[in-house]
C-alpha atoms as a PDB file:
ATOM      1  CA  MET A   1      -0.167  -0.248  -0.078  1.00  0.00           C
ATOM      2  CA  LYS A   2       1.100   3.548  -0.674  1.00  0.00           C
ATOM      3  CA  ASP A   3      -0.372   7.010   0.250  1.00  0.00           C
ATOM      4  CA  LEU A   4      -1.653   9.307  -2.696  1.00  0.00           C
ATOM      5  CA  ILE A   5      -0.809  13.147  -1.533  1.00  0.00           C
ATOM      6  CA  LEU A   6      -2.812  15.703  -3.140  1.00  0.00           C
ATOM      7  CA  THR A   7      -1.895  19.316  -2.678  1.00  0.00           C
ATOM      8  CA  SER A   8      -3.979  22.526  -3.532  1.00  0.00           C
ATOM      9  CA  ILE A   9      -2.678  25.769  -3.038  1.00  0.00           C
ATOM     10  CA  ILE A  10      -5.307  28.468  -2.520  1.00  0.00           C
ATOM     11  CA  LYS A  11      -4.092  32.319  -1.950  1.00  0.00           C
ATOM     12  CA  VAL A  12      -6.132  34.369   0.029  1.00  0.00           C
ATOM     13  CA  TYR A  13      -6.670  38.021  -0.347  1.00  0.00           C
ATOM     14  CA  GLN A  14      -8.262  41.108   0.860  1.00  0.00           C
ATOM     15  CA  PHE A  15     -10.533  42.812  -1.731  1.00  0.00           C
ATOM     16  CA  ASP A  16      -8.177  45.615  -1.799  1.00  0.00           C
ATOM     17  CA  GLU A  17      -5.247  43.375  -2.487  1.00  0.00           C
ATOM     18  CA  LEU A  18      -6.989  42.617  -5.833  1.00  0.00           C
ATOM     19  CA  SER A  19      -6.052  44.003  -8.885  1.00  0.00           C
ATOM     20  CA  PRO A  20      -8.307  46.590 -10.568  1.00  0.00           C
ATOM     21  CA  THR A  21      -9.552  43.988 -13.112  1.00  0.00           C
ATOM     22  CA  ASP A  22     -10.221  41.529 -10.572  1.00  0.00           C
ATOM     23  CA  GLN A  23     -12.116  43.944  -8.265  1.00  0.00           C
ATOM     24  CA  ASN A  24     -14.256  45.141 -11.006  1.00  0.00           C
ATOM     25  CA  LEU A  25     -14.933  41.370 -11.915  1.00  0.00           C
ATOM     26  CA  MET A  26     -15.821  40.556  -8.272  1.00  0.00           C
ATOM     27  CA  LYS A  27     -18.187  43.607  -8.172  1.00  0.00           C
ATOM     28  CA  THR A  28     -19.860  42.435 -11.178  1.00  0.00           C
ATOM     29  CA  ALA A  29     -20.402  38.824  -9.612  1.00  0.00           C
ATOM     30  CA  MET A  30     -21.700  40.477  -6.668  1.00  0.00           C
ATOM     31  CA  ASP A  31     -23.979  42.733  -8.269  1.00  0.00           C
ATOM     32  CA  ALA A  32     -25.525  39.823 -10.479  1.00  0.00           C
ATOM     33  CA  THR A  33     -26.661  38.510  -6.939  1.00  0.00           C
ATOM     34  CA  VAL A  34     -29.470  40.631  -7.129  1.00  0.00           C
ATOM     35  CA  ARG A  35     -31.006  38.983 -10.131  1.00  0.00           C
ATOM     36  CA  SER A  36     -30.958  35.648  -8.601  1.00  0.00           C
ATOM     37  CA  TYR A  37     -33.931  33.816  -8.127  1.00  0.00           C
ATOM     38  CA  ALA A  38     -33.733  31.885  -4.705  1.00  0.00           C
ATOM     39  CA  PRO A  39     -37.444  32.013  -3.299  1.00  0.00           C
ATOM     40  CA  TYR A  40     -36.766  28.788  -1.492  1.00  0.00           C
ATOM     41  CA  SER A  41     -33.163  28.801  -0.171  1.00  0.00           C
ATOM     42  CA  ARG A  42     -32.985  32.547   0.054  1.00  0.00           C
ATOM     43  CA  PHE A  43     -29.294  32.242  -0.973  1.00  0.00           C
ATOM     44  CA  SER A  44     -28.217  34.527  -4.141  1.00  0.00           C
ATOM     45  CA  VAL A  45     -25.198  33.545  -5.903  1.00  0.00           C
ATOM     46  CA  GLY A  46     -23.880  35.525  -8.839  1.00  0.00           C
ATOM     47  CA  ALA A  47     -20.948  34.684 -11.028  1.00  0.00           C
ATOM     48  CA  ALA A  48     -19.252  36.823 -13.574  1.00  0.00           C
ATOM     49  CA  ALA A  49     -16.766  35.344 -16.373  1.00  0.00           C
ATOM     50  CA  LEU A  50     -13.870  37.331 -18.082  1.00  0.00           C
ATOM     51  CA  LEU A  51     -13.414  35.830 -21.510  1.00  0.00           C
ATOM     52  CA  ALA A  52     -10.135  36.198 -23.366  1.00  0.00           C
ATOM     53  CA  ASN A  53     -11.588  38.823 -25.727  1.00  0.00           C
ATOM     54  CA  GLY A  54     -12.697  40.959 -22.551  1.00  0.00           C
ATOM     55  CA  ILE A  55     -16.229  40.404 -22.735  1.00  0.00           C
ATOM     56  CA  VAL A  56     -17.715  39.674 -19.338  1.00  0.00           C
ATOM     57  CA  ILE A  57     -20.775  37.344 -18.872  1.00  0.00           C
ATOM     58  CA  THR A  58     -22.757  36.977 -16.022  1.00  0.00           C
ATOM     59  CA  GLY A  59     -25.264  34.464 -14.416  1.00  0.00           C
ATOM     60  CA  THR A  60     -27.374  33.732 -11.332  1.00  0.00           C
ATOM     61  CA  ASN A  61     -28.442  30.734  -9.623  1.00  0.00           C
ATOM     62  CA  GLN A  62     -32.110  30.179 -10.737  1.00  0.00           C
ATOM     63  CA  GLU A  63     -34.190  27.861  -8.263  1.00  0.00           C
ATOM     64  CA  ASN A  64     -37.602  26.088  -8.952  1.00  0.00           C
ATOM     65  CA  ALA A  65     -40.129  24.412  -6.594  1.00  0.00           C
ATOM     66  CA  ALA A  66     -38.839  20.862  -8.007  1.00  0.00           C
ATOM     67  CA  TYR A  67     -35.283  21.333  -6.655  1.00  0.00           C
ATOM     68  CA  PRO A  68     -33.512  19.351  -9.294  1.00  0.00           C
ATOM     69  CA  SER A  69     -34.750  21.842 -11.906  1.00  0.00           C
ATOM     70  CA  GLY A  70     -32.644  24.821 -10.704  1.00  0.00           C
ATOM     71  CA  LEU A  71     -29.541  25.665 -11.714  1.00  0.00           C
ATOM     72  CA  CYS A  72     -26.359  27.095 -10.477  1.00  0.00           C
ATOM     73  CA  ALA A  73     -25.016  30.472 -11.318  1.00  0.00           C
ATOM     74  CA  GLU A  74     -21.651  28.822 -12.215  1.00  0.00           C
ATOM     75  CA  ARG A  75     -23.224  26.724 -14.833  1.00  0.00           C
ATOM     76  CA  ILE A  76     -25.704  29.356 -16.040  1.00  0.00           C
ATOM     77  CA  THR A  77     -22.703  31.757 -16.816  1.00  0.00           C
ATOM     78  CA  LEU A  78     -20.181  29.318 -18.280  1.00  0.00           C
ATOM     79  CA  PHE A  79     -23.001  27.660 -20.526  1.00  0.00           C
ATOM     80  CA  TYR A  80     -23.943  31.162 -21.800  1.00  0.00           C
ATOM     81  CA  ALA A  81     -20.253  31.859 -22.593  1.00  0.00           C
ATOM     82  CA  ASN A  82     -19.816  28.848 -24.164  1.00  0.00           C
ATOM     83  CA  SER A  83     -22.959  28.870 -26.320  1.00  0.00           C
ATOM     84  CA  GLN A  84     -22.452  32.675 -27.316  1.00  0.00           C
ATOM     85  CA  TYR A  85     -18.813  32.714 -27.707  1.00  0.00           C
ATOM     86  CA  PRO A  86     -17.638  29.554 -28.751  1.00  0.00           C
ATOM     87  CA  ASP A  87     -14.212  30.701 -29.647  1.00  0.00           C
ATOM     88  CA  GLN A  88     -13.438  32.639 -26.516  1.00  0.00           C
ATOM     89  CA  PRO A  89     -12.039  30.623 -23.365  1.00  0.00           C
ATOM     90  CA  VAL A  90     -12.925  31.903 -19.720  1.00  0.00           C
ATOM     91  CA  MET A  91     -10.044  33.259 -18.238  1.00  0.00           C
ATOM     92  CA  THR A  92     -11.521  34.138 -14.831  1.00  0.00           C
ATOM     93  CA  LEU A  93     -14.532  32.918 -13.258  1.00  0.00           C
ATOM     94  CA  ALA A  94     -15.632  35.030 -10.131  1.00  0.00           C
ATOM     95  CA  ILE A  95     -18.317  33.894  -7.628  1.00  0.00           C
ATOM     96  CA  ALA A  96     -20.314  35.518  -5.063  1.00  0.00           C
ATOM     97  CA  ALA A  97     -23.007  34.739  -2.653  1.00  0.00           C
ATOM     98  CA  ARG A  98     -25.145  36.270  -0.265  1.00  0.00           C
ATOM     99  CA  THR A  99     -28.047  35.668   2.207  1.00  0.00           C
ATOM    100  CA  GLU A 100     -31.119  37.794   2.269  1.00  0.00           C
ATOM    101  CA  LYS A 101     -29.145  39.980   5.054  1.00  0.00           C
ATOM    102  CA  ASP A 102     -25.684  40.522   3.489  1.00  0.00           C
ATOM    103  CA  PHE A 103     -22.862  38.735   1.669  1.00  0.00           C
ATOM    104  CA  ILE A 104     -21.372  35.731   3.512  1.00  0.00           C
ATOM    105  CA  ASP A 105     -18.292  36.102   5.318  1.00  0.00           C
ATOM    106  CA  LEU A 106     -16.296  33.200   3.796  1.00  0.00           C
ATOM    107  CA  PRO A 107     -16.028  32.026   0.324  1.00  0.00           C
ATOM    108  CA  ILE A 108     -18.242  29.365  -0.879  1.00  0.00           C
ATOM    109  CA  PRO A 109     -16.637  26.619  -3.285  1.00  0.00           C
ATOM    110  CA  PRO A 110     -18.719  25.667  -6.502  1.00  0.00           C
ATOM    111  CA  CYS A 111     -20.938  22.545  -5.967  1.00  0.00           C
ATOM    112  CA  GLY A 112     -19.818  19.205  -7.404  1.00  0.00           C
ATOM    113  CA  ALA A 113     -22.069  19.719 -10.488  1.00  0.00           C
ATOM    114  CA  CYS A 114     -20.321  23.188 -11.181  1.00  0.00           C
ATOM    115  CA  ARG A 115     -16.986  21.807 -10.672  1.00  0.00           C
ATOM    116  CA  GLN A 116     -17.292  19.069 -13.174  1.00  0.00           C
ATOM    117  CA  VAL A 117     -18.901  21.801 -15.705  1.00  0.00           C
ATOM    118  CA  ILE A 118     -15.649  24.248 -15.082  1.00  0.00           C
ATOM    119  CA  LEU A 119     -13.462  21.033 -15.719  1.00  0.00           C
ATOM    120  CA  GLU A 120     -14.873  20.499 -19.069  1.00  0.00           C
ATOM    121  CA  THR A 121     -14.838  24.165 -20.019  1.00  0.00           C
ATOM    122  CA  GLU A 122     -11.014  24.015 -18.873  1.00  0.00           C
ATOM    123  CA  LYS A 123     -10.497  20.947 -21.196  1.00  0.00           C
ATOM    124  CA  ARG A 124     -12.465  22.359 -24.104  1.00  0.00           C
ATOM    125  CA  TYR A 125     -10.297  25.453 -24.305  1.00  0.00           C
ATOM    126  CA  LYS A 126      -7.180  23.305 -23.076  1.00  0.00           C
ATOM    127  CA  GLN A 127      -6.412  25.943 -20.421  1.00  0.00           C
ATOM    128  CA  PRO A 128      -7.145  26.505 -16.577  1.00  0.00           C
ATOM    129  CA  ILE A 129      -9.675  28.912 -15.565  1.00  0.00           C
ATOM    130  CA  ARG A 130      -8.689  30.968 -12.601  1.00  0.00           C
ATOM    131  CA  ILE A 131     -11.482  31.326  -9.806  1.00  0.00           C
ATOM    132  CA  LEU A 132     -12.130  34.019  -7.603  1.00  0.00           C
ATOM    133  CA  LEU A 133     -14.460  33.101  -4.694  1.00  0.00           C
ATOM    134  CA  TYR A 134     -15.537  36.102  -2.638  1.00  0.00           C
ATOM    135  CA  GLY A 135     -16.144  36.502   1.168  1.00  0.00           C
ATOM    136  CA  LYS A 136     -16.414  39.428   3.444  1.00  0.00           C
ATOM    137  CA  LYS A 137     -13.293  38.526   5.327  1.00  0.00           C
ATOM    138  CA  GLU A 138     -11.383  37.219   2.524  1.00  0.00           C
ATOM    139  CA  ILE A 139     -11.258  36.112  -1.091  1.00  0.00           C
ATOM    140  CA  TYR A 140      -9.869  32.808  -2.493  1.00  0.00           C
ATOM    141  CA  GLU A 141      -7.728  32.747  -5.520  1.00  0.00           C
ATOM    142  CA  VAL A 142      -7.788  29.315  -7.164  1.00  0.00           C
ATOM    143  CA  LYS A 143      -5.312  28.754 -10.221  1.00  0.00           C
ATOM    144  CA  SER A 144      -7.649  25.699 -11.919  1.00  0.00           C
ATOM    145  CA  ILE A 145     -10.506  23.815 -11.087  1.00  0.00           C
ATOM    146  CA  CYS A 146      -7.964  20.777 -10.399  1.00  0.00           C
ATOM    147  CA  ASP A 147      -7.254  22.683  -7.291  1.00  0.00           C
ATOM    148  CA  LEU A 148     -10.795  22.109  -6.108  1.00  0.00           C
ATOM    149  CA  LEU A 149     -11.339  18.492  -7.948  1.00  0.00           C
ATOM    150  CA  PRO A 150      -8.043  16.670  -7.660  1.00  0.00           C
ATOM    151  CA  LEU A 151      -9.434  13.162  -8.784  1.00  0.00           C
ATOM    152  CA  SER A 152     -11.406  14.490 -11.694  1.00  0.00           C
ATOM    153  CA  PHE A 153     -13.316  12.344 -14.211  1.00  0.00           C
ATOM    154  CA  ASP A 154     -12.909  13.600 -17.802  1.00  0.00           C
ATOM    155  CA  ALA A 155     -13.006  12.414 -21.605  1.00  0.00           C
ATOM    156  CA  SER A 156      -9.835  10.765 -20.938  1.00  0.00           C
ATOM    157  CA  ALA A 157     -11.164   8.104 -18.452  1.00  0.00           C
ATOM    158  CA  MET A 158     -13.456   6.811 -21.196  1.00  0.00           C
ATOM    159  CA  GLU A 159     -10.287   6.149 -23.490  1.00  0.00           C
END
């Protein structure tokens, strides 16, 4: 027997330590949360994707009384970006979440389904997507979804 040791490096920032571009992208994700449709969880998530051509795409979580029928902000954002700008890779994906009262203190990571979609998008464009996760107390920077999904399933597993 042997151990498989997996290591992820996640940088932690304060908002004012981000570059102006990253601050604007994060503000865009934060602003998007007000367009969320979250009447059941009352947990609003906004995402903003910076494409290689400089265009920013946003999305929000959309809930449904039949819970599996809703969709997360990350997937809405990436699916829209991939369908409308199929030749433009996503460079950075910023994600922010809030309750009815305020933004959350610590960042939340994408759910498993969103991680898989981010991975597929990275594979599609053959480059990592930098992820910024917002929290009032700190912001996490993840260099690639592989840091959040180290033992991932992709097309190579089916070859």
